[in-house]
Amino acid sequence: MTQPRTQQRQHDRYPVRISCEVTISGQTLHAETKNLSGGGAAIRFARLLTVGEVVTVSFFLTQDGIEDADRPPFECAASIRWVNPAGDRMHEAGLQFLSPSAQQRELLNDFLKQAV
């Protein structure tokens, strides 16, 4: 008999769809979030990433679906934790934020509070 797998998450996930950019080895690619949390995100885009690869992500935080000009983007280094195919030439990847500053965490948490 197999044991049910329980997974405790440190951060709640929110089904937030916003534009983002992923910078890999100096190349910037456009992506969209599938979900977002205080510790990471699931993104969808057209390039295959490698688990363990470190990237820089920039999330364009919105208010009522419109990019908020008064709020800077959330930008942070992130590690690729998982990768899955997602349809015709698309991929999904799980990102874990690496050491965001207190200011970055506050910016993201404020956004997530209003996105609920």
Protein backbone atom coordinates (compact mmCIF):
# COMPACT_ATOMS: atom_id res chain seq x y z
CA MET A 1 0.00 0.00 0.00
CA THR A 2 1.38 3.41 -0.90
CA GLN A 3 1.29 6.24 1.54
CA PRO A 4 -0.58 9.37 0.42
CA ARG A 5 1.90 12.11 -0.38
CA THR A 6 1.41 15.15 1.79
CA GLN A 7 3.08 18.33 0.82
CA GLN A 8 3.13 21.33 3.06
CA ARG A 9 3.78 24.61 1.34
CA GLN A 10 5.45 27.47 3.09
CA HIS A 11 3.51 30.01 0.97
CA ASP A 12 -0.08 30.04 -0.28
CA ARG A 13 -0.43 29.96 -4.07
CA TYR A 14 -2.69 32.36 -5.92
CA PRO A 15 -4.04 31.71 -9.46
CA VAL A 16 -2.71 35.02 -10.77
CA ARG A 17 -2.13 35.55 -14.49
CA ILE A 18 0.27 38.40 -15.17
CA SER A 19 2.99 39.06 -17.72
CA CYS A 20 6.58 38.45 -16.78
CA GLU A 21 10.03 38.29 -18.29
CA VAL A 22 12.61 35.57 -17.72
CA THR A 23 16.26 36.44 -18.35
CA ILE A 24 18.52 33.47 -19.08
CA SER A 25 22.17 33.96 -20.02
CA GLY A 26 21.50 37.53 -21.15
CA GLN A 27 18.45 36.60 -23.26
CA THR A 28 15.07 37.96 -22.12
CA LEU A 29 11.93 35.96 -22.89
CA HIS A 30 8.30 36.83 -22.31
CA ALA A 31 6.12 34.55 -20.20
CA GLU A 32 2.89 34.50 -18.20
CA THR A 33 2.30 33.30 -14.68
CA LYS A 34 0.01 30.38 -13.97
CA ASN A 35 0.16 30.99 -10.23
CA LEU A 36 2.19 33.08 -7.84
CA SER A 37 3.20 32.88 -4.19
CA GLY A 38 5.55 34.61 -1.81
CA GLY A 39 8.16 31.92 -2.48
CA GLY A 40 7.87 31.26 -6.19
CA ALA A 41 5.70 30.96 -9.28
CA ALA A 42 4.56 28.64 -12.01
CA ILE A 43 5.08 30.21 -15.43
CA ARG A 44 4.15 29.27 -18.99
CA PHE A 45 6.26 30.14 -22.03
CA ALA A 46 7.79 28.88 -25.26
CA ARG A 47 11.34 27.87 -24.22
CA LEU A 48 12.39 24.70 -22.44
CA LEU A 49 14.29 25.37 -19.22
CA THR A 50 16.52 23.02 -17.26
CA VAL A 51 15.81 22.03 -13.66
CA GLY A 52 18.40 23.72 -11.44
CA GLU A 53 19.02 26.56 -13.90
CA VAL A 54 19.12 30.01 -12.28
CA VAL A 55 17.24 32.81 -14.03
CA THR A 56 16.13 36.36 -13.28
CA VAL A 57 12.38 36.96 -13.33
CA SER A 58 10.52 40.26 -13.54
CA PHE A 59 6.80 40.31 -12.77
CA PHE A 60 4.75 43.27 -13.97
CA LEU A 61 2.37 43.79 -11.05
CA THR A 62 -1.09 44.93 -12.04
CA GLN A 63 -4.09 46.55 -10.49
CA ASP A 64 -7.47 45.54 -11.93
CA GLY A 65 -5.66 43.85 -14.84
CA ILE A 66 -3.65 46.93 -15.81
CA GLU A 67 0.06 47.35 -15.14
CA ASP A 68 0.42 49.66 -12.14
CA ALA A 69 2.71 52.55 -13.15
CA ASP A 70 3.17 53.47 -9.47
CA ARG A 71 4.48 50.02 -8.57
CA PRO A 72 7.89 48.82 -9.77
CA PRO A 73 8.13 45.31 -11.20
CA PHE A 74 9.07 42.52 -8.81
CA GLU A 75 12.49 41.32 -9.95
CA CYS A 76 14.39 38.44 -8.36
CA ALA A 77 16.77 35.57 -9.09
CA ALA A 78 14.98 32.22 -9.19
CA SER A 79 15.85 28.56 -9.53
CA ILE A 80 13.94 26.27 -11.88
CA ARG A 81 12.44 23.50 -9.69
CA TRP A 82 10.38 21.58 -12.27
CA VAL A 83 9.50 21.67 -15.98
CA ASN A 84 6.52 20.15 -17.87
CA PRO A 85 5.28 20.31 -21.47
CA ALA A 86 2.17 22.46 -21.84
CA GLY A 87 0.73 21.98 -25.28
CA ASP A 88 2.03 22.88 -28.71
CA ARG A 89 5.60 24.15 -28.23
CA MET A 90 4.78 25.56 -24.79
CA HIS A 91 6.28 24.69 -21.42
CA GLU A 92 5.46 25.27 -17.78
CA ALA A 93 8.12 25.71 -15.14
CA GLY A 94 8.10 26.07 -11.38
CA LEU A 95 10.34 28.81 -10.02
CA GLN A 96 11.63 29.21 -6.48
CA PHE A 97 12.69 32.75 -5.61
CA LEU A 98 16.26 32.98 -4.33
CA SER A 99 16.81 35.38 -1.44
CA PRO A 100 14.40 38.21 -2.27
CA SER A 101 15.09 41.34 -0.25
CA ALA A 102 12.69 42.51 2.45
CA GLN A 103 11.51 45.25 0.07
CA GLN A 104 10.88 42.71 -2.72
CA ARG A 105 8.92 40.42 -0.35
CA GLU A 106 6.82 43.38 0.84
CA LEU A 107 6.10 44.45 -2.75
CA LEU A 108 5.02 40.93 -3.71
CA ASN A 109 2.97 40.33 -0.55
CA ASP A 110 1.13 43.65 -0.99
CA PHE A 111 0.31 42.67 -4.57
CA LEU A 112 -0.89 39.21 -3.58
CA LYS A 113 -3.15 40.65 -0.84
CA GLN A 114 -4.98 42.86 -3.35
CA ALA A 115 -5.06 40.10 -6.01
CA VAL A 116 -7.23 37.83 -3.84
